[in-house]
Amino acid sequence: MKMKQTILAVLVAVCALSASAAEPYRASVRVTFASHAAIDGSLPMTFSDEPFHATVTVTWIHNVTLIQGGEELPGTPADAPELQLPANWWRRIEWELKETKGGASVAVDRTRARLLGASQDSEAPIVLRVGESASATIELDKLPQGDYIAQVRIPVTGRILQSNKTAVAVRNGNESAGVRRVYLRARMMAPGVGYEAQKEALAELTQLEPDNAANYELIADIGLYREPVDATLSNYDKAVALLRERASHSPAERNLLEAKIASIEDAKSMVLEYKSRPGQLDLTVEYDTFGTGKRYVLRERGSAKVIRSSR
């Protein structure tokens, strides 16, 4: 019995070694979607009224690292083969989209695909050495609401590159309160959206998130140049009241929240100064590189001179 097990183990090892030796290099194809935050552990979401954006990345990799006799075999040799992608390789992508429930296929017209960006010049052939990647971000037609499994194939000279299956959810924005919140924020931040649309989305968010001070602060921020001073100050006051309430129940966050309150109070005094000197000053809201922090800056109009800025 022991000999049979030994023979079986040797056969498995030989088969693995043979398979690896037969094709030690391969293309890894990955598909990711421009999606919004998942809700309650659901799939990454996109919405049915926005274009469907996907990024396809092709990486040429050394398939396996073999261990033999306790020693690692040499890694990628200098004469390792290269992968050649033809010019406009992204146009060759064949899309397969299937609904999760029922498995019905959804037609994707690749002739209507539009290139949004690429890691390399896609108009010329691309040569990938081991470890190198090429990617392309593509806009496809909008999809109807549903849960989908996506897979792509890319025919190139002598082979067909294929991705793993990737799941994505398409929602219309009304499925639940959580989805609605994500939808409203996505619409508010969409390129080219106007002030009235932003204001409308924020007004609805304050109903869905009555304890979120950031919504009132943002309403005030975007209305600096458009709303009467009383309306702007009122929204800042609502944000401060909510932050004070939260600080009273959360000692661990108190210092952070009090710093935020101080920044808003600075903003209020700058709003008053800005409104009291019409045509003389500019008041701007400036965000840091990552969009996670901001400050209010008051400048002389037509000059870079900073009169004051928030803490």
C-alpha atoms as a PDB file:
ATOM      1  CA  MET A   1       0.000   0.000   0.000  1.00  0.00           C
ATOM      2  CA  LYS A   2       2.838   2.318   0.907  1.00  0.00           C
ATOM      3  CA  MET A   3       4.549   1.596  -2.440  1.00  0.00           C
ATOM      4  CA  LYS A   4       1.331   2.389  -4.314  1.00  0.00           C
ATOM      5  CA  GLN A   5       1.094   5.726  -2.509  1.00  0.00           C
ATOM      6  CA  THR A   6       4.712   6.473  -3.362  1.00  0.00           C
ATOM      7  CA  ILE A   7       4.186   5.622  -7.038  1.00  0.00           C
ATOM      8  CA  LEU A   8       1.046   7.790  -7.111  1.00  0.00           C
ATOM      9  CA  ALA A   9       2.924  10.721  -5.545  1.00  0.00           C
ATOM     10  CA  VAL A  10       5.724  10.377  -8.084  1.00  0.00           C
ATOM     11  CA  LEU A  11       3.222  10.300 -10.959  1.00  0.00           C
ATOM     12  CA  VAL A  12       1.493  13.445  -9.660  1.00  0.00           C
ATOM     13  CA  ALA A  13       4.847  15.198  -9.322  1.00  0.00           C
ATOM     14  CA  VAL A  14       5.936  14.148 -12.816  1.00  0.00           C
ATOM     15  CA  CYS A  15       2.613  15.297 -14.315  1.00  0.00           C
ATOM     16  CA  ALA A  16       2.894  18.670 -12.568  1.00  0.00           C
ATOM     17  CA  LEU A  17       6.478  19.050 -13.719  1.00  0.00           C
ATOM     18  CA  SER A  18       5.574  18.130 -17.286  1.00  0.00           C
ATOM     19  CA  ALA A  19       2.653  20.573 -17.394  1.00  0.00           C
ATOM     20  CA  SER A  20       4.800  23.352 -15.983  1.00  0.00           C
ATOM     21  CA  ALA A  21       7.628  22.630 -18.361  1.00  0.00           C
ATOM     22  CA  ALA A  22       5.221  22.543 -21.300  1.00  0.00           C
ATOM     23  CA  GLU A  23       4.003  26.087 -20.668  1.00  0.00           C
ATOM     24  CA  PRO A  24       6.122  27.856 -18.064  1.00  0.00           C
ATOM     25  CA  TYR A  25       4.895  31.278 -19.217  1.00  0.00           C
ATOM     26  CA  ARG A  26       1.354  32.543 -19.548  1.00  0.00           C
ATOM     27  CA  ALA A  27      -0.730  35.686 -19.815  1.00  0.00           C
ATOM     28  CA  SER A  28      -2.790  36.736 -16.831  1.00  0.00           C
ATOM     29  CA  VAL A  29      -5.857  38.715 -17.906  1.00  0.00           C
ATOM     30  CA  ARG A  30      -7.789  40.684 -15.310  1.00  0.00           C
ATOM     31  CA  VAL A  31     -11.004  42.676 -15.669  1.00  0.00           C
ATOM     32  CA  THR A  32     -12.019  45.370 -13.186  1.00  0.00           C
ATOM     33  CA  PHE A  33     -14.996  47.682 -13.340  1.00  0.00           C
ATOM     34  CA  ALA A  34     -15.338  51.342 -12.412  1.00  0.00           C
ATOM     35  CA  SER A  35     -17.725  50.740  -9.555  1.00  0.00           C
ATOM     36  CA  HIS A  36     -19.088  52.405  -6.467  1.00  0.00           C
ATOM     37  CA  ALA A  37     -18.970  51.205  -2.880  1.00  0.00           C
ATOM     38  CA  ALA A  38     -20.564  47.836  -2.250  1.00  0.00           C
ATOM     39  CA  ILE A  39     -23.498  47.804   0.175  1.00  0.00           C
ATOM     40  CA  ASP A  40     -23.821  45.206   2.939  1.00  0.00           C
ATOM     41  CA  GLY A  41     -21.301  42.880   1.347  1.00  0.00           C
ATOM     42  CA  SER A  42     -22.974  42.931  -2.048  1.00  0.00           C
ATOM     43  CA  LEU A  43     -21.166  43.049  -5.376  1.00  0.00           C
ATOM     44  CA  PRO A  44     -19.348  46.185  -6.535  1.00  0.00           C
ATOM     45  CA  MET A  45     -21.980  48.403  -8.152  1.00  0.00           C
ATOM     46  CA  THR A  46     -22.398  50.485 -11.228  1.00  0.00           C
ATOM     47  CA  PHE A  47     -25.632  52.177 -12.238  1.00  0.00           C
ATOM     48  CA  SER A  48     -27.883  51.634 -15.217  1.00  0.00           C
ATOM     49  CA  ASP A  49     -27.934  55.313 -16.195  1.00  0.00           C
ATOM     50  CA  GLU A  50     -24.162  55.675 -16.453  1.00  0.00           C
ATOM     51  CA  PRO A  51     -21.681  54.307 -19.019  1.00  0.00           C
ATOM     52  CA  PHE A  52     -20.163  50.932 -18.214  1.00  0.00           C
ATOM     53  CA  HIS A  53     -16.407  51.337 -17.722  1.00  0.00           C
ATOM     54  CA  ALA A  54     -14.062  48.358 -17.587  1.00  0.00           C
ATOM     55  CA  THR A  55     -10.286  48.070 -17.349  1.00  0.00           C
ATOM     56  CA  VAL A  56      -8.610  45.053 -18.933  1.00  0.00           C
ATOM     57  CA  THR A  57      -5.041  44.314 -17.837  1.00  0.00           C
ATOM     58  CA  VAL A  58      -2.770  41.768 -19.519  1.00  0.00           C
ATOM     59  CA  THR A  59       0.327  40.637 -17.608  1.00  0.00           C
ATOM     60  CA  TRP A  60       2.955  38.257 -18.993  1.00  0.00           C
ATOM     61  CA  ILE A  61       4.121  36.034 -16.146  1.00  0.00           C
ATOM     62  CA  HIS A  62       6.366  33.110 -15.341  1.00  0.00           C
ATOM     63  CA  ASN A  63       3.733  30.463 -14.660  1.00  0.00           C
ATOM     64  CA  VAL A  64       5.401  28.533 -11.821  1.00  0.00           C
ATOM     65  CA  THR A  65       8.504  28.363  -9.713  1.00  0.00           C
ATOM     66  CA  LEU A  66       9.605  24.740  -9.466  1.00  0.00           C
ATOM     67  CA  ILE A  67      11.237  23.271  -6.401  1.00  0.00           C
ATOM     68  CA  GLN A  68      13.461  20.290  -7.060  1.00  0.00           C
ATOM     69  CA  GLY A  69      15.611  18.440  -4.582  1.00  0.00           C
ATOM     70  CA  GLY A  70      14.951  21.099  -1.952  1.00  0.00           C
ATOM     71  CA  GLU A  71      16.447  23.812  -4.150  1.00  0.00           C
ATOM     72  CA  GLU A  72      14.641  26.478  -6.107  1.00  0.00           C
ATOM     73  CA  LEU A  73      15.317  26.300  -9.804  1.00  0.00           C
ATOM     74  CA  PRO A  74      16.603  29.476 -11.487  1.00  0.00           C
ATOM     75  CA  GLY A  75      13.948  32.127 -12.061  1.00  0.00           C
ATOM     76  CA  THR A  76      13.104  33.832 -15.329  1.00  0.00           C
ATOM     77  CA  PRO A  77      15.930  33.247 -17.802  1.00  0.00           C
ATOM     78  CA  ALA A  78      17.357  36.083 -19.856  1.00  0.00           C
ATOM     79  CA  ASP A  79      16.050  34.536 -23.064  1.00  0.00           C
ATOM     80  CA  ALA A  80      12.490  34.110 -21.775  1.00  0.00           C
ATOM     81  CA  PRO A  81       9.871  34.499 -24.524  1.00  0.00           C
ATOM     82  CA  GLU A  82       7.930  37.725 -24.886  1.00  0.00           C
ATOM     83  CA  LEU A  83       4.229  38.299 -25.447  1.00  0.00           C
ATOM     84  CA  GLN A  84       3.282  40.432 -28.417  1.00  0.00           C
ATOM     85  CA  LEU A  85       0.014  42.335 -28.417  1.00  0.00           C
ATOM     86  CA  PRO A  86      -1.080  43.730 -31.790  1.00  0.00           C
ATOM     87  CA  ALA A  87      -1.805  47.395 -32.388  1.00  0.00           C
ATOM     88  CA  ASN A  88      -5.208  48.368 -30.965  1.00  0.00           C
ATOM     89  CA  TRP A  89      -5.343  45.072 -29.110  1.00  0.00           C
ATOM     90  CA  TRP A  90      -8.262  46.352 -27.032  1.00  0.00           C
ATOM     91  CA  ARG A  91     -10.469  46.316 -30.134  1.00  0.00           C
ATOM     92  CA  ARG A  92     -10.041  42.534 -30.274  1.00  0.00           C
ATOM     93  CA  ILE A  93     -11.522  41.997 -26.830  1.00  0.00           C
ATOM     94  CA  GLU A  94     -14.507  39.649 -26.952  1.00  0.00           C
ATOM     95  CA  TRP A  95     -16.915  40.281 -24.092  1.00  0.00           C
ATOM     96  CA  GLU A  96     -19.074  37.642 -22.493  1.00  0.00           C
ATOM     97  CA  LEU A  97     -21.656  38.917 -20.005  1.00  0.00           C
ATOM     98  CA  LYS A  98     -24.156  36.597 -18.394  1.00  0.00           C
ATOM     99  CA  GLU A  99     -26.857  37.250 -15.859  1.00  0.00           C
ATOM    100  CA  THR A 100     -26.151  35.517 -12.561  1.00  0.00           C
ATOM    101  CA  LYS A 101     -29.752  34.350 -12.313  1.00  0.00           C
ATOM    102  CA  GLY A 102     -30.704  32.191 -15.259  1.00  0.00           C
ATOM    103  CA  GLY A 103     -27.426  32.596 -17.091  1.00  0.00           C
ATOM    104  CA  ALA A 104     -28.906  34.581 -19.992  1.00  0.00           C
ATOM    105  CA  SER A 105     -26.243  36.206 -22.162  1.00  0.00           C
ATOM    106  CA  VAL A 106     -26.200  39.963 -22.688  1.00  0.00           C
ATOM    107  CA  ALA A 107     -24.968  41.159 -26.054  1.00  0.00           C
ATOM    108  CA  VAL A 108     -22.019  43.546 -26.014  1.00  0.00           C
ATOM    109  CA  ASP A 109     -21.364  45.403 -29.249  1.00  0.00           C
ATOM    110  CA  ARG A 110     -17.578  45.709 -29.197  1.00  0.00           C
ATOM    111  CA  THR A 111     -17.667  47.931 -32.288  1.00  0.00           C
ATOM    112  CA  ARG A 112     -19.200  50.603 -30.043  1.00  0.00           C
ATOM    113  CA  ALA A 113     -16.467  50.285 -27.404  1.00  0.00           C
ATOM    114  CA  ARG A 114     -14.539  53.490 -26.777  1.00  0.00           C
ATOM    115  CA  LEU A 115     -10.995  53.705 -25.420  1.00  0.00           C
ATOM    116  CA  LEU A 116     -10.779  56.022 -22.404  1.00  0.00           C
ATOM    117  CA  GLY A 117      -7.127  55.462 -21.576  1.00  0.00           C
ATOM    118  CA  ALA A 118      -4.252  53.016 -21.926  1.00  0.00           C
ATOM    119  CA  SER A 119      -1.021  52.313 -20.062  1.00  0.00           C
ATOM    120  CA  GLN A 120       0.916  52.291 -23.333  1.00  0.00           C
ATOM    121  CA  ASP A 121       0.452  53.553 -26.862  1.00  0.00           C
ATOM    122  CA  SER A 122      -2.236  51.167 -28.092  1.00  0.00           C
ATOM    123  CA  GLU A 123      -1.928  52.279 -31.710  1.00  0.00           C
ATOM    124  CA  ALA A 124       1.374  50.433 -32.043  1.00  0.00           C
ATOM    125  CA  PRO A 125       2.205  46.772 -31.297  1.00  0.00           C
ATOM    126  CA  ILE A 126       3.195  46.155 -27.680  1.00  0.00           C
ATOM    127  CA  VAL A 127       5.896  43.726 -26.553  1.00  0.00           C
ATOM    128  CA  LEU A 128       5.630  42.499 -22.970  1.00  0.00           C
ATOM    129  CA  ARG A 129       8.547  40.939 -21.164  1.00  0.00           C
ATOM    130  CA  VAL A 130       7.973  38.710 -18.156  1.00  0.00           C
ATOM    131  CA  GLY A 131       6.438  40.749 -15.347  1.00  0.00           C
ATOM    132  CA  GLU A 132       5.250  43.576 -17.609  1.00  0.00           C
ATOM    133  CA  SER A 133       1.628  44.616 -18.132  1.00  0.00           C
ATOM    134  CA  ALA A 134      -0.525  46.517 -20.586  1.00  0.00           C
ATOM    135  CA  SER A 135      -3.962  47.846 -19.693  1.00  0.00           C
ATOM    136  CA  ALA A 136      -6.807  49.645 -21.390  1.00  0.00           C
ATOM    137  CA  THR A 137      -9.875  51.317 -19.897  1.00  0.00           C
ATOM    138  CA  ILE A 138     -12.886  50.978 -22.131  1.00  0.00           C
ATOM    139  CA  GLU A 139     -16.368  52.463 -22.168  1.00  0.00           C
ATOM    140  CA  LEU A 140     -19.176  50.119 -23.177  1.00  0.00           C
ATOM    141  CA  ASP A 141     -22.887  50.690 -23.609  1.00  0.00           C
ATOM    142  CA  LYS A 142     -25.052  51.055 -20.514  1.00  0.00           C
ATOM    143  CA  LEU A 143     -26.392  47.825 -19.061  1.00  0.00           C
ATOM    144  CA  PRO A 144     -29.853  47.098 -17.682  1.00  0.00           C
ATOM    145  CA  GLN A 145     -30.309  46.414 -13.991  1.00  0.00           C
ATOM    146  CA  GLY A 146     -29.078  42.998 -12.860  1.00  0.00           C
ATOM    147  CA  ASP A 147     -26.194  40.914 -11.501  1.00  0.00           C
ATOM    148  CA  TYR A 148     -23.630  39.857 -14.079  1.00  0.00           C
ATOM    149  CA  ILE A 149     -20.646  37.591 -14.534  1.00  0.00           C
ATOM    150  CA  ALA A 150     -18.142  38.958 -17.036  1.00  0.00           C
ATOM    151  CA  GLN A 151     -15.295  37.273 -18.870  1.00  0.00           C
ATOM    152  CA  VAL A 152     -13.145  38.460 -21.762  1.00  0.00           C
ATOM    153  CA  ARG A 153     -11.133  36.723 -24.466  1.00  0.00           C
ATOM    154  CA  ILE A 154      -8.428  38.355 -26.544  1.00  0.00           C
ATOM    155  CA  PRO A 155      -7.308  36.537 -29.707  1.00  0.00           C
ATOM    156  CA  VAL A 156      -3.663  37.306 -30.494  1.00  0.00           C
ATOM    157  CA  THR A 157      -1.172  35.574 -32.750  1.00  0.00           C
ATOM    158  CA  GLY A 158      -0.968  31.907 -31.854  1.00  0.00           C
ATOM    159  CA  ARG A 159      -3.114  32.005 -28.706  1.00  0.00           C
ATOM    160  CA  ILE A 160      -6.306  33.190 -27.075  1.00  0.00           C
ATOM    161  CA  LEU A 161      -5.920  35.101 -23.823  1.00  0.00           C
ATOM    162  CA  GLN A 162      -8.767  34.627 -21.359  1.00  0.00           C
ATOM    163  CA  SER A 163      -9.654  36.237 -18.055  1.00  0.00           C
ATOM    164  CA  ASN A 164     -11.198  34.720 -14.963  1.00  0.00           C
ATOM    165  CA  LYS A 165     -14.869  35.421 -14.337  1.00  0.00           C
ATOM    166  CA  THR A 166     -15.657  38.679 -12.550  1.00  0.00           C
ATOM    167  CA  ALA A 167     -18.932  39.634 -10.883  1.00  0.00           C
ATOM    168  CA  VAL A 168     -20.528  43.079 -10.999  1.00  0.00           C
ATOM    169  CA  ALA A 169     -23.945  44.463 -10.078  1.00  0.00           C
ATOM    170  CA  VAL A 170     -25.882  47.038 -12.098  1.00  0.00           C
ATOM    171  CA  ARG A 171     -28.455  48.958 -10.061  1.00  0.00           C
ATOM    172  CA  ASN A 172     -30.970  51.691 -10.875  1.00  0.00           C
ATOM    173  CA  GLY A 173     -30.369  53.505  -7.575  1.00  0.00           C
ATOM    174  CA  ASN A 174     -33.715  52.806  -5.903  1.00  0.00           C
ATOM    175  CA  GLU A 175     -33.260  49.268  -4.592  1.00  0.00           C
ATOM    176  CA  SER A 176     -32.686  50.256  -0.955  1.00  0.00           C
ATOM    177  CA  ALA A 177     -31.801  53.242   1.222  1.00  0.00           C
ATOM    178  CA  GLY A 178     -28.143  52.169   1.196  1.00  0.00           C
ATOM    179  CA  VAL A 179     -28.021  51.902  -2.587  1.00  0.00           C
ATOM    180  CA  ARG A 180     -29.843  55.224  -2.865  1.00  0.00           C
ATOM    181  CA  ARG A 181     -27.180  56.967  -0.768  1.00  0.00           C
ATOM    182  CA  VAL A 182     -24.409  55.622  -2.983  1.00  0.00           C
ATOM    183  CA  TYR A 183     -26.368  56.602  -6.095  1.00  0.00           C
ATOM    184  CA  LEU A 184     -26.930  60.172  -4.905  1.00  0.00           C
ATOM    185  CA  ARG A 185     -23.246  60.669  -4.110  1.00  0.00           C
ATOM    186  CA  ALA A 186     -22.283  59.248  -7.496  1.00  0.00           C
ATOM    187  CA  ARG A 187     -24.668  61.602  -9.278  1.00  0.00           C
ATOM    188  CA  MET A 188     -23.465  64.554  -7.227  1.00  0.00           C
ATOM    189  CA  MET A 189     -19.828  63.910  -8.197  1.00  0.00           C
ATOM    190  CA  ALA A 190     -20.470  63.031 -11.848  1.00  0.00           C
ATOM    191  CA  PRO A 191     -18.519  65.133 -14.378  1.00  0.00           C
ATOM    192  CA  GLY A 192     -20.411  68.183 -15.556  1.00  0.00           C
ATOM    193  CA  VAL A 193     -23.174  67.996 -12.971  1.00  0.00           C
ATOM    194  CA  GLY A 194     -24.729  71.388 -12.237  1.00  0.00           C
ATOM    195  CA  TYR A 195     -25.269  73.173  -8.945  1.00  0.00           C
ATOM    196  CA  GLU A 196     -29.020  72.580  -8.811  1.00  0.00           C
ATOM    197  CA  ALA A 197     -28.542  68.828  -9.319  1.00  0.00           C
ATOM    198  CA  GLN A 198     -25.905  68.749  -6.564  1.00  0.00           C
ATOM    199  CA  LYS A 199     -28.158  70.698  -4.234  1.00  0.00           C
ATOM    200  CA  GLU A 200     -31.091  68.383  -4.931  1.00  0.00           C
ATOM    201  CA  ALA A 201     -28.996  65.275  -4.256  1.00  0.00           C
ATOM    202  CA  LEU A 202     -27.676  66.709  -0.995  1.00  0.00           C
ATOM    203  CA  ALA A 203     -31.150  67.695   0.138  1.00  0.00           C
ATOM    204  CA  GLU A 204     -32.256  64.077  -0.265  1.00  0.00           C
ATOM    205  CA  LEU A 205     -29.129  62.835   1.509  1.00  0.00           C
ATOM    206  CA  THR A 206     -29.943  64.963   4.553  1.00  0.00           C
ATOM    207  CA  GLN A 207     -33.262  63.091   4.764  1.00  0.00           C
ATOM    208  CA  LEU A 208     -31.571  59.690   4.470  1.00  0.00           C
ATOM    209  CA  GLU A 209     -28.710  60.629   6.813  1.00  0.00           C
ATOM    210  CA  PRO A 210     -30.123  63.133   9.340  1.00  0.00           C
ATOM    211  CA  ASP A 211     -27.094  62.754  11.649  1.00  0.00           C
ATOM    212  CA  ASN A 212     -24.422  63.276   8.999  1.00  0.00           C
ATOM    213  CA  ALA A 213     -22.889  66.719   9.548  1.00  0.00           C
ATOM    214  CA  ALA A 214     -20.822  66.460   6.357  1.00  0.00           C
ATOM    215  CA  ASN A 215     -23.935  66.830   4.199  1.00  0.00           C
ATOM    216  CA  TYR A 216     -24.871  70.194   5.702  1.00  0.00           C
ATOM    217  CA  GLU A 217     -21.264  71.358   5.500  1.00  0.00           C
ATOM    218  CA  LEU A 218     -21.122  70.425   1.831  1.00  0.00           C
ATOM    219  CA  ILE A 219     -24.431  72.205   1.104  1.00  0.00           C
ATOM    220  CA  ALA A 220     -22.886  75.342   2.603  1.00  0.00           C
ATOM    221  CA  ASP A 221     -19.618  74.879   0.688  1.00  0.00           C
ATOM    222  CA  ILE A 222     -21.167  74.542  -2.755  1.00  0.00           C
ATOM    223  CA  GLY A 223     -23.529  77.437  -2.057  1.00  0.00           C
ATOM    224  CA  LEU A 224     -20.822  79.934  -1.039  1.00  0.00           C
ATOM    225  CA  TYR A 225     -21.221  81.996  -4.212  1.00  0.00           C
ATOM    226  CA  ARG A 226     -24.858  81.202  -4.903  1.00  0.00           C
ATOM    227  CA  GLU A 227     -26.873  81.360  -1.690  1.00  0.00           C
ATOM    228  CA  PRO A 228     -27.689  84.224   0.695  1.00  0.00           C
ATOM    229  CA  VAL A 229     -25.269  84.466   3.612  1.00  0.00           C
ATOM    230  CA  ASP A 230     -27.975  83.502   6.129  1.00  0.00           C
ATOM    231  CA  ALA A 231     -28.635  80.194   4.315  1.00  0.00           C
ATOM    232  CA  THR A 232     -24.910  79.396   4.179  1.00  0.00           C
ATOM    233  CA  LEU A 233     -24.377  80.147   7.879  1.00  0.00           C
ATOM    234  CA  SER A 234     -27.490  78.165   8.796  1.00  0.00           C
ATOM    235  CA  ASN A 235     -26.136  75.032   7.135  1.00  0.00           C
ATOM    236  CA  TYR A 236     -22.746  75.445   8.829  1.00  0.00           C
ATOM    237  CA  ASP A 237     -24.584  75.831  12.154  1.00  0.00           C
ATOM    238  CA  LYS A 238     -26.480  72.588  11.542  1.00  0.00           C
ATOM    239  CA  ALA A 239     -23.189  70.801  10.873  1.00  0.00           C
ATOM    240  CA  VAL A 240     -21.644  72.211  14.062  1.00  0.00           C
ATOM    241  CA  ALA A 241     -24.655  71.191  16.167  1.00  0.00           C
ATOM    242  CA  LEU A 242     -24.439  67.610  14.922  1.00  0.00           C
ATOM    243  CA  LEU A 243     -20.681  67.482  15.540  1.00  0.00           C
ATOM    244  CA  ARG A 244     -21.105  68.810  19.083  1.00  0.00           C
ATOM    245  CA  GLU A 245     -23.773  66.197  19.765  1.00  0.00           C
ATOM    246  CA  ARG A 246     -21.495  63.458  18.477  1.00  0.00           C
ATOM    247  CA  ALA A 247     -18.536  64.735  20.520  1.00  0.00           C
ATOM    248  CA  SER A 248     -20.647  64.626  23.699  1.00  0.00           C
ATOM    249  CA  HIS A 249     -21.239  60.900  23.186  1.00  0.00           C
ATOM    250  CA  SER A 250     -17.829  59.929  21.830  1.00  0.00           C
ATOM    251  CA  PRO A 251     -14.919  60.922  24.110  1.00  0.00           C
ATOM    252  CA  ALA A 252     -12.446  59.053  21.897  1.00  0.00           C
ATOM    253  CA  GLU A 253     -13.297  61.323  18.958  1.00  0.00           C
ATOM    254  CA  ARG A 254     -13.696  64.543  20.910  1.00  0.00           C
ATOM    255  CA  ASN A 255     -10.373  66.179  19.971  1.00  0.00           C
ATOM    256  CA  LEU A 256     -10.824  65.382  16.297  1.00  0.00           C
ATOM    257  CA  LEU A 257     -14.418  66.641  16.285  1.00  0.00           C
ATOM    258  CA  GLU A 258     -13.542  69.834  18.140  1.00  0.00           C
ATOM    259  CA  ALA A 259     -10.840  70.569  15.552  1.00  0.00           C
ATOM    260  CA  LYS A 260     -13.454  70.104  12.840  1.00  0.00           C
ATOM    261  CA  ILE A 261     -15.850  72.435  14.641  1.00  0.00           C
ATOM    262  CA  ALA A 262     -13.106  75.064  14.920  1.00  0.00           C
ATOM    263  CA  SER A 263     -12.489  74.833  11.165  1.00  0.00           C
ATOM    264  CA  ILE A 264     -16.189  75.387  10.412  1.00  0.00           C
ATOM    265  CA  GLU A 265     -16.350  78.329  12.817  1.00  0.00           C
ATOM    266  CA  ASP A 266     -13.359  79.822  10.952  1.00  0.00           C
ATOM    267  CA  ALA A 267     -15.236  79.293   7.701  1.00  0.00           C
ATOM    268  CA  LYS A 268     -18.289  81.113   9.066  1.00  0.00           C
ATOM    269  CA  SER A 269     -16.266  84.180  10.038  1.00  0.00           C
ATOM    270  CA  MET A 270     -14.583  84.194   6.614  1.00  0.00           C
ATOM    271  CA  VAL A 271     -17.964  83.979   4.906  1.00  0.00           C
ATOM    272  CA  LEU A 272     -19.077  87.071   6.818  1.00  0.00           C
ATOM    273  CA  GLU A 273     -15.913  88.956   5.854  1.00  0.00           C
ATOM    274  CA  TYR A 274     -16.213  87.857   2.218  1.00  0.00           C
ATOM    275  CA  LYS A 275     -19.861  88.930   2.004  1.00  0.00           C
ATOM    276  CA  SER A 276     -19.123  92.274   3.727  1.00  0.00           C
ATOM    277  CA  ARG A 277     -16.600  93.279   1.036  1.00  0.00           C
ATOM    278  CA  PRO A 278     -18.293  92.449  -2.275  1.00  0.00           C
ATOM    279  CA  GLY A 279     -15.997  92.412  -5.287  1.00  0.00           C
ATOM    280  CA  GLN A 280     -12.839  92.712  -3.167  1.00  0.00           C
ATOM    281  CA  LEU A 281     -12.231  89.162  -1.910  1.00  0.00           C
ATOM    282  CA  ASP A 282     -12.280  85.542  -3.094  1.00  0.00           C
ATOM    283  CA  LEU A 283     -13.224  82.703  -0.749  1.00  0.00           C
ATOM    284  CA  THR A 284     -12.303  79.199  -1.861  1.00  0.00           C
ATOM    285  CA  VAL A 285     -12.472  75.684  -0.452  1.00  0.00           C
ATOM    286  CA  GLU A 286      -9.235  73.823  -1.162  1.00  0.00           C
ATOM    287  CA  TYR A 287      -8.859  70.050  -0.822  1.00  0.00           C
ATOM    288  CA  ASP A 288      -5.659  68.107  -0.233  1.00  0.00           C
ATOM    289  CA  THR A 289      -4.215  65.682  -2.781  1.00  0.00           C
ATOM    290  CA  PHE A 290      -6.314  62.765  -1.530  1.00  0.00           C
ATOM    291  CA  GLY A 291      -9.518  64.749  -1.071  1.00  0.00           C
ATOM    292  CA  THR A 292      -9.657  63.772   2.606  1.00  0.00           C
ATOM    293  CA  GLY A 293      -8.859  67.170   4.107  1.00  0.00           C
ATOM    294  CA  LYS A 294      -9.706  70.752   3.241  1.00  0.00           C
ATOM    295  CA  ARG A 295      -9.253  74.355   4.268  1.00  0.00           C
ATOM    296  CA  TYR A 296     -11.019  77.628   3.569  1.00  0.00           C
ATOM    297  CA  VAL A 297      -8.837  80.361   2.070  1.00  0.00           C
ATOM    298  CA  LEU A 298      -9.653  84.067   1.854  1.00  0.00           C
ATOM    299  CA  ARG A 299      -7.631  86.042  -0.713  1.00  0.00           C
ATOM    300  CA  GLU A 300      -7.586  89.506  -2.182  1.00  0.00           C
ATOM    301  CA  ARG A 301      -9.348  89.382  -5.542  1.00  0.00           C
ATOM    302  CA  GLY A 302      -6.920  89.385  -8.457  1.00  0.00           C
ATOM    303  CA  SER A 303      -4.016  88.583  -6.144  1.00  0.00           C
ATOM    304  CA  ALA A 304      -2.398  85.498  -4.675  1.00  0.00           C
ATOM    305  CA  LYS A 305      -2.163  87.225  -1.316  1.00  0.00           C
ATOM    306  CA  VAL A 306      -3.811  85.149   1.414  1.00  0.00           C
ATOM    307  CA  ILE A 307      -5.619  87.218   4.002  1.00  0.00           C
ATOM    308  CA  ARG A 308      -6.435  84.221   6.198  1.00  0.00           C
ATOM    309  CA  SER A 309      -7.172  80.512   6.050  1.00  0.00           C
ATOM    310  CA  SER A 310      -8.990  78.069   8.287  1.00  0.00           C
ATOM    311  CA  ARG A 311      -7.229  75.878  10.813  1.00  0.00           C
END
